[in-house]
Amino acid sequence: AKQEVGAITKLVYKDGHSVTANTEYNQLGPLLKALGESEGDVADETGFSPYPGNTNQLVAGLECYVRTLRATGGVMDEFVNPKYKDEKRVAFKKPTRLECMMQDYAKAMPSDSVVGFTTAAPWIGYSPAKNSIEEAIKKVKAGVSAMCPATAEADMYNVTSEIFRRHGCHMGMAQAY
């Protein structure tokens, strides 16, 4: 909860049809608040968000993929996602660009397609290097992952060590200096 990670959600429309798809973090909070969740995305009794984080790793059946490409011509909807310096929303943190989301692929698939997800333990390896040192410090103070180059590198060492340990290797832990 509260991390800048899209979430896998099942969206149910007024006419009853539904779609399982990614909902971006900057859309999830306002959506949940509009539906009566006053704090937006918060951890439940498990300590995690009830909405699984999306690490943007897709597996697609070739037949469905080809049908989708033929229907869309390979074109996805585009949008602008500005990153502001602060809550005033008058100055950009960095240049804004036109984007499209690979996660929207599920929305473009034929209506008879089957969409699902799988989850993995956090230690297995979602650790992007997307924040500056300054931004990483703010994240840690807010109680969420820094998601910066230093933590990404440390997490990759940790996942490799954990895999070795699970296969019977005796690994020493890193020591603080």
N, C-alpha and C. Protein backbone atom coordinates (compact mmCIF):
# COMPACT_ATOMS: atom_id res chain seq x y z
N ALA A 1 0.84 -1.19 0.00
CA ALA A 1 0.00 0.00 0.00
C ALA A 1 0.88 1.25 0.00
N LYS A 2 0.38 2.27 -0.60
CA LYS A 2 1.03 3.59 -0.65
C LYS A 2 2.30 3.63 -1.49
N GLN A 3 2.61 2.57 -2.24
CA GLN A 3 3.78 2.60 -3.11
C GLN A 3 3.37 3.03 -4.51
N GLU A 4 4.31 3.59 -5.24
CA GLU A 4 4.05 4.03 -6.61
C GLU A 4 4.18 2.85 -7.54
N VAL A 5 3.21 1.93 -7.41
CA VAL A 5 3.17 0.70 -8.19
C VAL A 5 1.72 0.51 -8.61
N GLY A 6 1.50 0.20 -9.88
CA GLY A 6 0.15 -0.10 -10.31
C GLY A 6 -0.39 -1.31 -9.57
N ALA A 7 -1.71 -1.46 -9.57
CA ALA A 7 -2.34 -2.57 -8.85
C ALA A 7 -3.22 -3.37 -9.80
N ILE A 8 -3.26 -4.68 -9.58
CA ILE A 8 -4.16 -5.53 -10.35
C ILE A 8 -5.54 -5.43 -9.71
N THR A 9 -6.51 -5.02 -10.49
CA THR A 9 -7.87 -4.84 -9.97
C THR A 9 -8.88 -5.48 -10.92
N LYS A 10 -10.01 -5.84 -10.36
CA LYS A 10 -11.13 -6.29 -11.18
C LYS A 10 -12.13 -5.15 -11.19
N LEU A 11 -12.30 -4.54 -12.34
CA LEU A 11 -13.21 -3.41 -12.49
C LEU A 11 -14.55 -3.93 -13.00
N VAL A 12 -15.61 -3.64 -12.26
CA VAL A 12 -16.94 -4.09 -12.63
C VAL A 12 -17.75 -2.87 -13.06
N TYR A 13 -18.26 -2.92 -14.26
CA TYR A 13 -19.01 -1.81 -14.82
C TYR A 13 -20.48 -1.88 -14.44
N LYS A 14 -21.20 -0.76 -14.60
CA LYS A 14 -22.61 -0.69 -14.22
C LYS A 14 -23.46 -1.72 -14.95
N ASP A 15 -23.07 -2.07 -16.19
CA ASP A 15 -23.86 -3.05 -16.94
C ASP A 15 -23.52 -4.49 -16.54
N GLY A 16 -22.58 -4.66 -15.59
CA GLY A 16 -22.26 -5.99 -15.08
C GLY A 16 -21.02 -6.62 -15.67
N HIS A 17 -20.54 -6.15 -16.83
CA HIS A 17 -19.32 -6.75 -17.37
C HIS A 17 -18.12 -6.28 -16.57
N SER A 18 -17.06 -7.07 -16.60
CA SER A 18 -15.89 -6.72 -15.80
C SER A 18 -14.62 -6.95 -16.60
N VAL A 19 -13.54 -6.36 -16.11
CA VAL A 19 -12.23 -6.53 -16.71
C VAL A 19 -11.20 -6.58 -15.59
N THR A 20 -10.28 -7.53 -15.68
CA THR A 20 -9.16 -7.59 -14.75
C THR A 20 -8.01 -6.86 -15.44
N ALA A 21 -7.53 -5.80 -14.79
CA ALA A 21 -6.51 -4.98 -15.45
C ALA A 21 -5.72 -4.19 -14.42
N ASN A 22 -4.65 -3.60 -14.90
CA ASN A 22 -3.84 -2.72 -14.06
C ASN A 22 -4.58 -1.41 -13.83
N THR A 23 -4.50 -0.92 -12.61
CA THR A 23 -4.95 0.43 -12.29
C THR A 23 -3.73 1.16 -11.73
N GLU A 24 -3.31 2.21 -12.38
CA GLU A 24 -2.09 2.90 -11.96
C GLU A 24 -2.27 3.50 -10.57
N TYR A 25 -1.15 3.59 -9.84
CA TYR A 25 -1.17 4.08 -8.46
C TYR A 25 -1.77 5.47 -8.36
N ASN A 26 -1.56 6.32 -9.35
CA ASN A 26 -2.10 7.67 -9.27
C ASN A 26 -3.59 7.71 -9.59
N GLN A 27 -4.16 6.58 -10.02
CA GLN A 27 -5.59 6.46 -10.26
C GLN A 27 -6.28 5.64 -9.17
N LEU A 28 -5.53 4.71 -8.55
CA LEU A 28 -6.12 3.80 -7.56
C LEU A 28 -6.63 4.54 -6.33
N GLY A 29 -5.80 5.39 -5.75
CA GLY A 29 -6.20 6.14 -4.56
C GLY A 29 -7.47 6.95 -4.78
N PRO A 30 -7.50 7.82 -5.81
CA PRO A 30 -8.73 8.59 -6.07
C PRO A 30 -9.95 7.70 -6.36
N LEU A 31 -9.74 6.57 -7.07
CA LEU A 31 -10.84 5.65 -7.36
C LEU A 31 -11.41 5.08 -6.06
N LEU A 32 -10.53 4.60 -5.18
CA LEU A 32 -10.99 4.03 -3.92
C LEU A 32 -11.68 5.08 -3.05
N LYS A 33 -11.14 6.29 -3.03
CA LYS A 33 -11.77 7.36 -2.26
C LYS A 33 -13.15 7.70 -2.80
N ALA A 34 -13.29 7.70 -4.13
CA ALA A 34 -14.59 7.97 -4.75
C ALA A 34 -15.60 6.88 -4.42
N LEU A 35 -15.09 5.67 -4.10
CA LEU A 35 -15.97 4.56 -3.76
C LEU A 35 -16.19 4.43 -2.25
N GLY A 36 -15.71 5.43 -1.48
CA GLY A 36 -15.97 5.45 -0.04
C GLY A 36 -14.83 5.03 0.86
N GLU A 37 -13.68 4.65 0.30
CA GLU A 37 -12.51 4.31 1.12
C GLU A 37 -11.76 5.60 1.42
N SER A 38 -11.99 6.18 2.57
CA SER A 38 -11.51 7.54 2.87
C SER A 38 -9.99 7.70 2.77
N GLU A 39 -9.23 6.63 3.03
CA GLU A 39 -7.77 6.74 2.98
C GLU A 39 -7.17 6.17 1.70
N GLY A 40 -8.00 5.68 0.80
CA GLY A 40 -7.48 5.11 -0.44
C GLY A 40 -6.91 3.73 -0.21
N ASP A 41 -5.75 3.46 -0.78
CA ASP A 41 -5.10 2.15 -0.69
C ASP A 41 -4.32 2.05 0.61
N VAL A 42 -4.78 1.23 1.53
CA VAL A 42 -4.10 1.02 2.80
C VAL A 42 -3.90 -0.48 3.03
N ALA A 43 -2.90 -0.79 3.82
CA ALA A 43 -2.61 -2.20 4.13
C ALA A 43 -3.76 -2.80 4.93
N ASP A 44 -4.04 -4.07 4.66
CA ASP A 44 -5.06 -4.79 5.43
C ASP A 44 -4.38 -5.55 6.57
N GLU A 45 -5.08 -6.52 7.16
CA GLU A 45 -4.53 -7.27 8.31
C GLU A 45 -3.27 -8.06 7.96
N THR A 46 -3.02 -8.30 6.66
CA THR A 46 -1.80 -9.02 6.26
C THR A 46 -0.58 -8.11 6.25
N GLY A 47 -0.80 -6.81 6.32
CA GLY A 47 0.28 -5.85 6.23
C GLY A 47 0.54 -5.37 4.81
N PHE A 48 -0.24 -5.91 3.86
CA PHE A 48 -0.09 -5.53 2.45
C PHE A 48 -1.38 -4.93 1.91
N SER A 49 -1.28 -4.29 0.78
CA SER A 49 -2.45 -3.79 0.10
C SER A 49 -3.32 -4.96 -0.36
N PRO A 50 -4.64 -4.81 -0.32
CA PRO A 50 -5.49 -5.87 -0.86
C PRO A 50 -5.45 -5.94 -2.39
N TYR A 51 -4.76 -4.99 -3.01
CA TYR A 51 -4.65 -4.93 -4.47
C TYR A 51 -3.21 -5.29 -4.85
N PRO A 52 -3.00 -6.48 -5.43
CA PRO A 52 -1.64 -6.92 -5.74
C PRO A 52 -0.90 -5.93 -6.64
N GLY A 53 0.36 -5.67 -6.31
CA GLY A 53 1.17 -4.77 -7.10
C GLY A 53 1.49 -5.37 -8.46
N ASN A 54 1.58 -4.53 -9.46
CA ASN A 54 1.85 -4.96 -10.82
C ASN A 54 3.29 -4.63 -11.18
N THR A 55 4.08 -5.66 -11.46
CA THR A 55 5.48 -5.45 -11.83
C THR A 55 5.69 -5.42 -13.34
N ASN A 56 4.59 -5.33 -14.09
CA ASN A 56 4.66 -5.17 -15.55
C ASN A 56 5.37 -6.31 -16.26
N GLN A 57 5.14 -7.51 -15.80
CA GLN A 57 5.68 -8.68 -16.48
C GLN A 57 4.49 -9.47 -17.01
N LEU A 58 4.34 -9.46 -18.32
CA LEU A 58 3.18 -10.07 -18.95
C LEU A 58 3.53 -11.42 -19.58
N VAL A 59 2.57 -12.33 -19.53
CA VAL A 59 2.66 -13.59 -20.26
C VAL A 59 1.41 -13.64 -21.12
N ALA A 60 1.59 -13.81 -22.41
CA ALA A 60 0.44 -13.79 -23.31
C ALA A 60 0.47 -15.02 -24.23
N GLY A 61 -0.69 -15.61 -24.43
CA GLY A 61 -0.81 -16.69 -25.39
C GLY A 61 -0.66 -16.13 -26.79
N LEU A 62 0.07 -16.81 -27.64
CA LEU A 62 0.37 -16.30 -28.97
C LEU A 62 -0.90 -16.06 -29.80
N GLU A 63 -1.85 -16.99 -29.75
CA GLU A 63 -3.08 -16.82 -30.54
C GLU A 63 -3.83 -15.56 -30.14
N CYS A 64 -3.99 -15.35 -28.84
CA CYS A 64 -4.68 -14.15 -28.35
C CYS A 64 -3.89 -12.89 -28.69
N TYR A 65 -2.58 -12.97 -28.57
CA TYR A 65 -1.72 -11.83 -28.88
C TYR A 65 -1.88 -11.42 -30.34
N VAL A 66 -1.89 -12.39 -31.24
CA VAL A 66 -2.04 -12.10 -32.67
C VAL A 66 -3.42 -11.50 -32.94
N ARG A 67 -4.46 -12.04 -32.31
CA ARG A 67 -5.82 -11.48 -32.48
C ARG A 67 -5.87 -10.03 -32.02
N THR A 68 -5.21 -9.75 -30.90
CA THR A 68 -5.19 -8.39 -30.36
C THR A 68 -4.41 -7.45 -31.27
N LEU A 69 -3.27 -7.90 -31.78
CA LEU A 69 -2.48 -7.08 -32.69
C LEU A 69 -3.27 -6.76 -33.96
N ARG A 70 -3.98 -7.75 -34.48
CA ARG A 70 -4.78 -7.52 -35.68
C ARG A 70 -5.89 -6.50 -35.43
N ALA A 71 -6.51 -6.60 -34.26
CA ALA A 71 -7.62 -5.69 -33.94
C ALA A 71 -7.15 -4.26 -33.67
N THR A 72 -5.97 -4.11 -33.06
CA THR A 72 -5.50 -2.78 -32.67
C THR A 72 -4.46 -2.19 -33.61
N GLY A 73 -3.90 -3.03 -34.48
CA GLY A 73 -2.79 -2.57 -35.31
C GLY A 73 -1.55 -2.31 -34.47
N GLY A 74 -1.54 -2.81 -33.23
CA GLY A 74 -0.41 -2.60 -32.33
C GLY A 74 -0.39 -1.24 -31.67
N VAL A 75 -1.49 -0.50 -31.79
CA VAL A 75 -1.56 0.85 -31.23
C VAL A 75 -2.30 0.82 -29.90
N MET A 76 -1.68 1.43 -28.87
CA MET A 76 -2.29 1.51 -27.54
C MET A 76 -2.70 2.96 -27.28
N ASP A 77 -3.69 3.14 -26.41
CA ASP A 77 -4.09 4.49 -26.01
C ASP A 77 -2.91 5.21 -25.37
N GLU A 78 -2.84 6.52 -25.58
CA GLU A 78 -1.76 7.32 -25.03
C GLU A 78 -2.32 8.30 -24.00
N PHE A 79 -1.45 8.78 -23.12
CA PHE A 79 -1.85 9.75 -22.11
C PHE A 79 -0.63 10.55 -21.67
N VAL A 80 -0.87 11.61 -20.94
CA VAL A 80 0.20 12.42 -20.36
C VAL A 80 0.13 12.23 -18.86
N ASN A 81 1.27 11.92 -18.24
CA ASN A 81 1.34 11.66 -16.80
C ASN A 81 2.38 12.60 -16.18
N PRO A 82 2.00 13.86 -15.93
CA PRO A 82 3.00 14.81 -15.41
C PRO A 82 3.43 14.46 -13.99
N LYS A 83 4.70 14.69 -13.71
CA LYS A 83 5.27 14.52 -12.37
C LYS A 83 5.56 15.92 -11.84
N TYR A 84 4.81 16.31 -10.82
CA TYR A 84 4.94 17.66 -10.26
C TYR A 84 5.96 17.72 -9.13
N LYS A 85 6.54 18.90 -8.92
CA LYS A 85 7.52 19.09 -7.85
C LYS A 85 6.89 19.00 -6.47
N ASP A 86 5.64 19.46 -6.34
CA ASP A 86 4.99 19.45 -5.03
C ASP A 86 3.47 19.43 -5.20
N GLU A 87 2.77 19.53 -4.08
CA GLU A 87 1.30 19.44 -4.10
C GLU A 87 0.62 20.62 -4.79
N LYS A 88 1.35 21.72 -4.98
CA LYS A 88 0.77 22.89 -5.66
C LYS A 88 0.48 22.59 -7.13
N ARG A 89 1.21 21.64 -7.69
CA ARG A 89 1.03 21.19 -9.07
C ARG A 89 1.15 22.33 -10.09
N VAL A 90 2.17 23.19 -9.89
CA VAL A 90 2.40 24.27 -10.84
C VAL A 90 3.74 24.14 -11.56
N ALA A 91 4.65 23.32 -11.00
CA ALA A 91 5.97 23.14 -11.62
C ALA A 91 6.25 21.65 -11.75
N PHE A 92 6.83 21.27 -12.87
CA PHE A 92 7.14 19.87 -13.12
C PHE A 92 8.44 19.45 -12.44
N LYS A 93 8.48 18.22 -11.93
CA LYS A 93 9.69 17.63 -11.36
C LYS A 93 10.68 17.29 -12.47
N LYS A 94 10.14 16.83 -13.60
CA LYS A 94 10.94 16.48 -14.76
C LYS A 94 10.07 16.67 -16.00
N PRO A 95 10.67 16.69 -17.18
CA PRO A 95 9.86 16.90 -18.39
C PRO A 95 8.73 15.87 -18.51
N THR A 96 7.58 16.33 -18.93
CA THR A 96 6.42 15.46 -19.11
C THR A 96 6.42 14.96 -20.55
N ARG A 97 5.98 13.73 -20.72
CA ARG A 97 6.01 13.13 -22.05
C ARG A 97 4.73 12.36 -22.31
N LEU A 98 4.49 12.07 -23.56
CA LEU A 98 3.38 11.24 -23.97
C LEU A 98 3.75 9.80 -23.68
N GLU A 99 2.86 9.05 -23.04
CA GLU A 99 3.14 7.67 -22.66
C GLU A 99 2.00 6.77 -23.10
N CYS A 100 2.28 5.48 -23.15
CA CYS A 100 1.25 4.47 -23.22
C CYS A 100 1.66 3.36 -22.27
N MET A 101 0.70 2.62 -21.77
CA MET A 101 1.01 1.61 -20.76
C MET A 101 0.83 0.21 -21.32
N MET A 102 1.90 -0.58 -21.18
CA MET A 102 1.81 -1.97 -21.61
C MET A 102 0.71 -2.70 -20.86
N GLN A 103 0.40 -2.24 -19.62
CA GLN A 103 -0.63 -2.88 -18.83
C GLN A 103 -2.01 -2.77 -19.48
N ASP A 104 -2.20 -1.76 -20.32
CA ASP A 104 -3.48 -1.59 -21.00
C ASP A 104 -3.73 -2.65 -22.07
N TYR A 105 -2.72 -3.45 -22.34
CA TYR A 105 -2.88 -4.55 -23.29
C TYR A 105 -4.09 -5.41 -22.92
N ALA A 106 -4.27 -5.69 -21.64
CA ALA A 106 -5.40 -6.53 -21.20
C ALA A 106 -6.74 -5.92 -21.59
N LYS A 107 -6.83 -4.59 -21.59
CA LYS A 107 -8.08 -3.92 -21.96
C LYS A 107 -8.33 -3.99 -23.46
N ALA A 108 -7.26 -4.18 -24.24
CA ALA A 108 -7.39 -4.25 -25.69
C ALA A 108 -7.69 -5.66 -26.19
N MET A 109 -7.54 -6.65 -25.32
CA MET A 109 -7.74 -8.04 -25.72
C MET A 109 -9.20 -8.31 -26.05
N PRO A 110 -9.47 -9.31 -26.90
CA PRO A 110 -10.87 -9.67 -27.19
C PRO A 110 -11.63 -10.01 -25.91
N SER A 111 -12.93 -9.73 -25.91
CA SER A 111 -13.73 -9.88 -24.68
C SER A 111 -13.79 -11.31 -24.16
N ASP A 112 -13.51 -12.31 -24.99
CA ASP A 112 -13.55 -13.70 -24.52
C ASP A 112 -12.20 -14.17 -23.99
N SER A 113 -11.23 -13.25 -23.86
CA SER A 113 -9.90 -13.61 -23.38
C SER A 113 -9.91 -13.86 -21.87
N VAL A 114 -9.01 -14.71 -21.43
CA VAL A 114 -8.86 -15.00 -20.01
C VAL A 114 -7.65 -14.22 -19.50
N VAL A 115 -7.86 -13.43 -18.44
CA VAL A 115 -6.79 -12.63 -17.86
C VAL A 115 -6.69 -12.97 -16.38
N GLY A 116 -5.50 -13.16 -15.89
CA GLY A 116 -5.29 -13.44 -14.48
C GLY A 116 -3.96 -12.89 -14.04
N PHE A 117 -3.55 -13.25 -12.85
CA PHE A 117 -2.26 -12.81 -12.35
C PHE A 117 -1.73 -13.83 -11.37
N THR A 118 -0.47 -13.72 -11.10
CA THR A 118 0.16 -14.54 -10.06
C THR A 118 0.92 -13.61 -9.15
N THR A 119 1.07 -13.99 -7.91
CA THR A 119 1.81 -13.14 -6.98
C THR A 119 3.08 -13.85 -6.53
N ALA A 120 4.02 -13.08 -6.07
CA ALA A 120 5.29 -13.61 -5.58
C ALA A 120 5.68 -12.85 -4.33
N ALA A 121 6.46 -13.49 -3.50
CA ALA A 121 6.95 -12.83 -2.28
C ALA A 121 7.77 -11.60 -2.66
N PRO A 122 7.67 -10.53 -1.88
CA PRO A 122 8.38 -9.29 -2.23
C PRO A 122 9.90 -9.47 -2.41
N TRP A 123 10.52 -10.39 -1.69
CA TRP A 123 11.97 -10.56 -1.79
C TRP A 123 12.41 -11.09 -3.15
N ILE A 124 11.47 -11.64 -3.92
CA ILE A 124 11.84 -12.29 -5.18
C ILE A 124 12.34 -11.29 -6.23
N GLY A 125 11.95 -10.05 -6.13
CA GLY A 125 12.63 -9.17 -7.04
C GLY A 125 11.93 -8.02 -7.72
N TYR A 126 10.93 -7.40 -7.11
CA TYR A 126 10.48 -6.14 -7.69
C TYR A 126 11.21 -5.04 -6.94
N SER A 127 12.22 -4.50 -7.58
CA SER A 127 13.03 -3.48 -6.94
C SER A 127 13.56 -2.52 -8.00
N PRO A 128 12.70 -1.63 -8.48
CA PRO A 128 13.15 -0.72 -9.53
C PRO A 128 14.14 0.32 -9.01
N ALA A 129 14.93 0.84 -9.91
CA ALA A 129 15.89 1.89 -9.60
C ALA A 129 15.37 3.18 -10.22
N LYS A 130 14.27 3.70 -9.69
CA LYS A 130 13.61 4.81 -10.36
C LYS A 130 13.64 6.13 -9.61
N ASN A 131 14.17 6.15 -8.39
CA ASN A 131 14.16 7.39 -7.60
C ASN A 131 15.56 7.92 -7.36
N SER A 132 15.66 9.23 -7.30
CA SER A 132 16.92 9.89 -6.95
C SER A 132 17.19 9.66 -5.46
N ILE A 133 18.38 9.99 -5.03
CA ILE A 133 18.72 9.86 -3.61
C ILE A 133 17.77 10.70 -2.76
N GLU A 134 17.51 11.93 -3.20
CA GLU A 134 16.63 12.81 -2.45
C GLU A 134 15.22 12.23 -2.34
N GLU A 135 14.71 11.71 -3.46
CA GLU A 135 13.37 11.11 -3.46
C GLU A 135 13.36 9.83 -2.62
N ALA A 136 14.43 9.06 -2.68
CA ALA A 136 14.53 7.82 -1.89
C ALA A 136 14.46 8.10 -0.40
N ILE A 137 15.11 9.15 0.04
CA ILE A 137 15.06 9.53 1.46
C ILE A 137 13.63 9.85 1.87
N LYS A 138 12.92 10.58 1.03
CA LYS A 138 11.51 10.90 1.32
C LYS A 138 10.67 9.62 1.42
N LYS A 139 10.92 8.66 0.52
CA LYS A 139 10.16 7.41 0.53
C LYS A 139 10.39 6.65 1.83
N VAL A 140 11.65 6.54 2.23
CA VAL A 140 11.98 5.81 3.46
C VAL A 140 11.32 6.49 4.65
N LYS A 141 11.36 7.80 4.71
CA LYS A 141 10.72 8.54 5.81
C LYS A 141 9.21 8.31 5.82
N ALA A 142 8.63 8.05 4.64
CA ALA A 142 7.19 7.78 4.54
C ALA A 142 6.87 6.31 4.81
N GLY A 143 7.90 5.51 5.03
CA GLY A 143 7.68 4.10 5.37
C GLY A 143 7.51 3.17 4.19
N VAL A 144 7.94 3.60 3.00
CA VAL A 144 7.85 2.73 1.82
C VAL A 144 9.24 2.53 1.23
N SER A 145 9.34 1.59 0.32
CA SER A 145 10.62 1.26 -0.31
C SER A 145 11.21 2.47 -1.02
N ALA A 146 12.53 2.62 -0.91
CA ALA A 146 13.23 3.73 -1.55
C ALA A 146 13.21 3.63 -3.07
N MET A 147 13.20 2.42 -3.61
CA MET A 147 13.20 2.19 -5.05
C MET A 147 14.23 3.06 -5.77
N CYS A 148 15.48 2.96 -5.30
CA CYS A 148 16.57 3.74 -5.88
C CYS A 148 17.70 2.78 -6.29
N PRO A 149 18.71 3.24 -6.99
CA PRO A 149 19.77 2.33 -7.44
C PRO A 149 20.42 1.53 -6.31
N ALA A 150 20.67 2.14 -5.16
CA ALA A 150 21.32 1.42 -4.07
C ALA A 150 20.46 0.27 -3.55
N THR A 151 19.16 0.52 -3.36
CA THR A 151 18.30 -0.55 -2.85
C THR A 151 18.06 -1.61 -3.91
N ALA A 152 17.99 -1.20 -5.18
CA ALA A 152 17.80 -2.18 -6.25
C ALA A 152 18.98 -3.14 -6.31
N GLU A 153 20.20 -2.60 -6.20
CA GLU A 153 21.38 -3.46 -6.23
C GLU A 153 21.41 -4.37 -5.01
N ALA A 154 21.15 -3.83 -3.83
CA ALA A 154 21.15 -4.64 -2.61
C ALA A 154 20.09 -5.73 -2.68
N ASP A 155 18.93 -5.40 -3.21
CA ASP A 155 17.86 -6.39 -3.32
C ASP A 155 18.23 -7.52 -4.27
N MET A 156 18.95 -7.22 -5.35
CA MET A 156 19.36 -8.27 -6.28
C MET A 156 20.38 -9.20 -5.63
N TYR A 157 21.30 -8.64 -4.84
CA TYR A 157 22.22 -9.50 -4.09
C TYR A 157 21.44 -10.37 -3.11
N ASN A 158 20.43 -9.78 -2.45
CA ASN A 158 19.64 -10.53 -1.48
C ASN A 158 18.87 -11.67 -2.14
N VAL A 159 18.26 -11.43 -3.29
CA VAL A 159 17.48 -12.48 -3.93
C VAL A 159 18.39 -13.64 -4.36
N THR A 160 19.56 -13.30 -4.87
CA THR A 160 20.50 -14.36 -5.26
C THR A 160 20.95 -15.16 -4.04
N SER A 161 21.28 -14.48 -2.97
CA SER A 161 21.68 -15.16 -1.73
C SER A 161 20.56 -16.03 -1.19
N GLU A 162 19.33 -15.53 -1.22
CA GLU A 162 18.20 -16.29 -0.71
C GLU A 162 17.96 -17.56 -1.54
N ILE A 163 18.09 -17.45 -2.84
CA ILE A 163 17.94 -18.64 -3.69
C ILE A 163 19.01 -19.67 -3.36
N PHE A 164 20.26 -19.22 -3.21
CA PHE A 164 21.33 -20.15 -2.81
C PHE A 164 21.02 -20.80 -1.46
N ARG A 165 20.58 -20.00 -0.48
CA ARG A 165 20.26 -20.54 0.85
C ARG A 165 19.16 -21.60 0.74
N ARG A 166 18.16 -21.33 -0.07
CA ARG A 166 17.04 -22.27 -0.21
C ARG A 166 17.46 -23.56 -0.91
N HIS A 167 18.62 -23.53 -1.55
CA HIS A 167 19.16 -24.74 -2.17
C HIS A 167 20.28 -25.36 -1.35
N GLY A 168 20.38 -24.96 -0.09
CA GLY A 168 21.31 -25.60 0.82
C GLY A 168 22.67 -24.96 0.97
N CYS A 169 22.92 -23.88 0.28
CA CYS A 169 24.22 -23.22 0.42
C CYS A 169 24.23 -22.41 1.71
N HIS A 170 25.36 -22.38 2.37
CA HIS A 170 25.50 -21.61 3.59
C HIS A 170 26.10 -20.25 3.24
N MET A 171 25.26 -19.24 3.33
CA MET A 171 25.68 -17.90 2.92
C MET A 171 25.80 -17.01 4.14
N GLY A 172 26.90 -16.26 4.24
CA GLY A 172 27.03 -15.27 5.29
C GLY A 172 26.21 -14.04 4.92
N MET A 173 25.71 -13.35 5.90
CA MET A 173 24.93 -12.14 5.65
C MET A 173 25.87 -10.95 5.58
N ALA A 174 25.47 -9.95 4.86
CA ALA A 174 26.25 -8.72 4.75
C ALA A 174 26.39 -8.09 6.14
N GLN A 175 27.53 -7.49 6.40
CA GLN A 175 27.78 -6.84 7.68
C GLN A 175 27.78 -5.33 7.49
N ALA A 176 27.16 -4.62 8.42
CA ALA A 176 27.20 -3.16 8.39
C ALA A 176 28.57 -2.68 8.83
N TYR A 177 29.10 -1.69 8.19
CA TYR A 177 30.42 -1.16 8.53
C TYR A 177 30.30 0.21 9.12
